[in-house]
Amino acid sequence: MGGHGARTVADRMEALRVPKRRVPAEVLLPGGAVRRISLFLAEAASRHTGPERPSDLLNGGDDFVPALDEEGGVMTFLNRAGLAVVRLARELETDDADGVTLPTEHEVEILLESGTALRGLVSYLRPRERSRLVDFLNEREPFFRVHEERAIALVNKRHVARVVLVNP
């Protein structure tokens, strides 16, 4: 019995596997622990053109996100609600902006419940009647993007104690 009809279950499962790309990130956990990880992102996003971004993964519906713990070299499953901040390279979080519409931007300082402070720029596109910072912060997605000096921080709203406008 051989031939090409004798594919193993593993071979058939491999054929169904969705290609993912591995991207490095740093996570800040409650209590201040920092871990270097790699996230696995799809080559195509489900809600916009182009590849999946880390914010797509974190604002998705799954409670647990698979990641590779870079320090231990082991697969881990992170409870998305327990992640305070995910920091990554700027090029991994590109905007959907059309280049014509100007975004609303605010420089902010964010104080997390743990006492950690972040500072950076929030930038978003919203209808004029819903373009206040408070409108943006109260949107449904649990994570929002902060452009820091050297990286992008995806901040989990559940861990934010206060957002202060810098030079309003």
Protein backbone atom coordinates (compact mmCIF):
# COMPACT_ATOMS: atom_id res chain seq x y z
CA MET A 1 0.00 0.00 0.00
CA GLY A 2 2.06 3.05 -0.78
CA GLY A 3 1.68 5.62 -3.42
CA HIS A 4 0.53 9.16 -3.27
CA GLY A 5 -2.71 8.35 -1.40
CA ALA A 6 -0.85 7.40 1.77
CA ARG A 7 -0.39 10.90 3.20
CA THR A 8 -0.15 11.04 6.96
CA VAL A 9 -2.48 13.04 9.15
CA ALA A 10 0.45 15.37 9.91
CA ASP A 11 0.95 16.01 6.19
CA ARG A 12 -2.73 16.82 5.73
CA MET A 13 -2.72 19.12 8.76
CA GLU A 14 0.41 20.92 7.48
CA ALA A 15 -1.40 21.61 4.21
CA LEU A 16 -4.17 23.39 6.16
CA ARG A 17 -1.78 25.51 8.25
CA VAL A 18 -2.15 29.28 7.87
CA PRO A 19 1.22 30.94 7.13
CA LYS A 20 2.36 33.23 9.95
CA ARG A 21 5.24 35.62 10.31
CA ARG A 22 7.14 35.94 13.57
CA VAL A 23 7.61 39.47 14.96
CA PRO A 24 9.56 40.51 18.07
CA ALA A 25 7.87 42.44 20.86
CA GLU A 26 8.28 43.30 24.51
CA VAL A 27 5.39 42.86 26.94
CA LEU A 28 4.89 44.69 30.20
CA LEU A 29 2.89 42.54 32.59
CA PRO A 30 0.95 43.71 35.65
CA GLY A 31 3.41 44.36 38.47
CA GLY A 32 6.06 45.59 36.06
CA ALA A 33 7.62 42.34 34.79
CA VAL A 34 8.95 42.70 31.23
CA ARG A 35 9.28 39.76 28.82
CA ARG A 36 10.75 39.59 25.32
CA ILE A 37 8.45 37.58 23.07
CA SER A 38 7.63 36.89 19.44
CA LEU A 39 4.07 37.18 18.18
CA PHE A 40 2.77 35.23 15.22
CA LEU A 41 0.87 37.32 12.66
CA ALA A 42 -1.05 36.28 9.57
CA GLU A 43 0.21 37.32 6.15
CA ALA A 44 -3.21 38.86 5.40
CA ALA A 45 -5.44 40.79 7.80
CA SER A 46 -9.15 40.05 8.03
CA ARG A 47 -10.32 43.66 8.56
CA HIS A 48 -8.04 45.67 6.24
CA THR A 49 -5.72 45.25 3.29
CA GLY A 50 -2.17 44.17 3.97
CA PRO A 51 -0.64 41.94 6.63
CA GLU A 52 -2.06 41.47 10.11
CA ARG A 53 -0.67 43.97 12.63
CA PRO A 54 -0.02 43.30 16.32
CA SER A 55 -2.95 45.62 17.17
CA ASP A 56 -5.24 43.44 15.00
CA LEU A 57 -4.20 40.39 17.02
CA LEU A 58 -4.56 42.13 20.39
CA ASN A 59 -7.88 43.78 19.54
CA GLY A 60 -9.28 40.51 18.17
CA GLY A 61 -11.71 38.32 20.03
CA ASP A 62 -9.43 35.61 21.41
CA ASP A 63 -8.67 35.71 25.13
CA PHE A 64 -5.28 34.01 24.75
CA VAL A 65 -2.56 34.93 22.27
CA PRO A 66 0.16 32.41 21.35
CA ALA A 67 3.70 33.74 21.65
CA LEU A 68 7.24 32.49 21.87
CA ASP A 69 9.00 33.51 25.08
CA GLU A 70 12.41 34.55 23.69
CA GLU A 71 14.25 34.22 27.01
CA GLY A 72 13.02 30.72 27.80
CA GLY A 73 12.59 29.55 24.21
CA VAL A 74 9.16 28.09 25.02
CA MET A 75 5.70 28.56 23.57
CA THR A 76 3.46 30.49 25.89
CA PHE A 77 -0.15 31.62 25.76
CA LEU A 78 -0.65 35.17 27.02
CA ASN A 79 -3.95 36.27 28.48
CA ARG A 80 -4.58 39.39 26.44
CA ALA A 81 -6.46 41.08 29.33
CA GLY A 82 -3.37 40.64 31.51
CA LEU A 83 -1.00 42.44 29.12
CA ALA A 84 -0.49 46.05 30.23
CA VAL A 85 1.67 47.20 27.28
CA VAL A 86 3.07 45.54 24.17
CA ARG A 87 6.01 47.47 22.70
CA LEU A 88 7.28 46.87 19.18
CA ALA A 89 9.06 48.34 16.18
CA ARG A 90 7.26 51.24 14.47
CA GLU A 91 7.15 49.56 11.06
CA LEU A 92 4.94 46.76 12.46
CA GLU A 93 2.08 49.20 13.11
CA THR A 94 1.36 51.14 9.94
CA ASP A 95 -1.69 53.37 9.69
CA ASP A 96 -4.60 52.91 7.31
CA ALA A 97 -4.52 56.66 6.65
CA ASP A 98 -5.20 57.63 3.07
CA GLY A 99 -2.57 60.36 3.08
CA VAL A 100 -5.21 63.02 2.41
CA THR A 101 -7.13 63.12 5.70
CA LEU A 102 -5.23 64.66 8.59
CA PRO A 103 -5.45 62.69 11.83
CA THR A 104 -6.21 64.15 15.23
CA GLU A 105 -3.06 63.98 17.35
CA HIS A 106 -2.39 64.54 21.05
CA GLU A 107 0.78 64.26 23.07
CA VAL A 108 -0.12 62.37 26.23
CA GLU A 109 1.33 60.98 29.41
CA ILE A 110 -0.21 57.71 30.50
CA LEU A 111 -0.04 56.43 34.05
CA LEU A 112 -0.66 52.71 34.43
CA GLU A 113 -2.20 51.22 37.57
CA SER A 114 1.23 49.72 38.34
CA GLY A 115 2.72 53.24 38.55
CA THR A 116 4.57 52.95 35.22
CA ALA A 117 4.39 56.13 33.13
CA LEU A 118 4.47 56.30 29.33
CA ARG A 119 4.70 59.37 27.13
CA GLY A 120 3.97 59.67 23.45
CA LEU A 121 1.63 60.70 20.69
CA VAL A 122 -1.83 59.25 20.04
CA SER A 123 -3.03 59.70 16.48
CA TYR A 124 -6.45 58.74 15.14
CA LEU A 125 -9.01 59.40 12.43
CA ARG A 126 -12.58 59.95 13.64
CA PRO A 127 -15.64 61.88 12.48
CA ARG A 128 -15.49 65.51 13.63
CA GLU A 129 -18.35 65.04 16.09
CA ARG A 130 -16.48 62.13 17.77
CA SER A 131 -12.90 63.38 17.51
CA ARG A 132 -12.20 64.25 21.15
CA LEU A 133 -9.53 62.28 22.99
CA VAL A 134 -12.14 60.94 25.40
CA ASP A 135 -14.17 59.61 22.44
CA PHE A 136 -11.08 57.79 21.16
CA LEU A 137 -10.25 56.36 24.60
CA ASN A 138 -13.81 55.12 25.09
CA GLU A 139 -13.92 53.11 21.87
CA ARG A 140 -14.53 49.38 22.06
CA GLU A 141 -11.03 48.09 21.24
CA PRO A 142 -9.07 47.23 24.42
CA PHE A 143 -5.66 48.36 23.06
CA PHE A 144 -4.68 51.75 21.64
CA ARG A 145 -1.51 52.84 19.90
CA VAL A 146 0.98 55.30 21.42
CA HIS A 147 3.87 56.54 19.26
CA GLU A 148 6.82 56.70 21.62
CA GLU A 149 10.21 58.17 20.75
CA ARG A 150 11.70 54.86 19.57
CA ALA A 151 8.80 52.39 19.39
CA ILE A 152 5.06 51.86 19.27
CA ALA A 153 3.36 50.95 22.54
CA LEU A 154 0.04 49.14 22.37
CA VAL A 155 -1.56 50.07 25.67
CA ASN A 156 -4.32 48.03 27.29
CA LYS A 157 -7.02 50.43 28.53
CA ARG A 158 -7.85 48.08 31.42
CA HIS A 159 -4.45 48.88 32.96
CA VAL A 160 -4.61 52.66 32.52
CA ALA A 161 -5.20 54.76 35.63
CA ARG A 162 -4.89 58.18 33.98
CA VAL A 163 -4.23 59.89 30.64
CA VAL A 164 -2.95 63.47 30.78
CA LEU A 165 -2.80 65.86 27.82
CA VAL A 166 0.68 67.34 27.53
CA ASN A 167 0.62 70.94 26.28
CA PRO A 168 -3.10 70.94 25.37
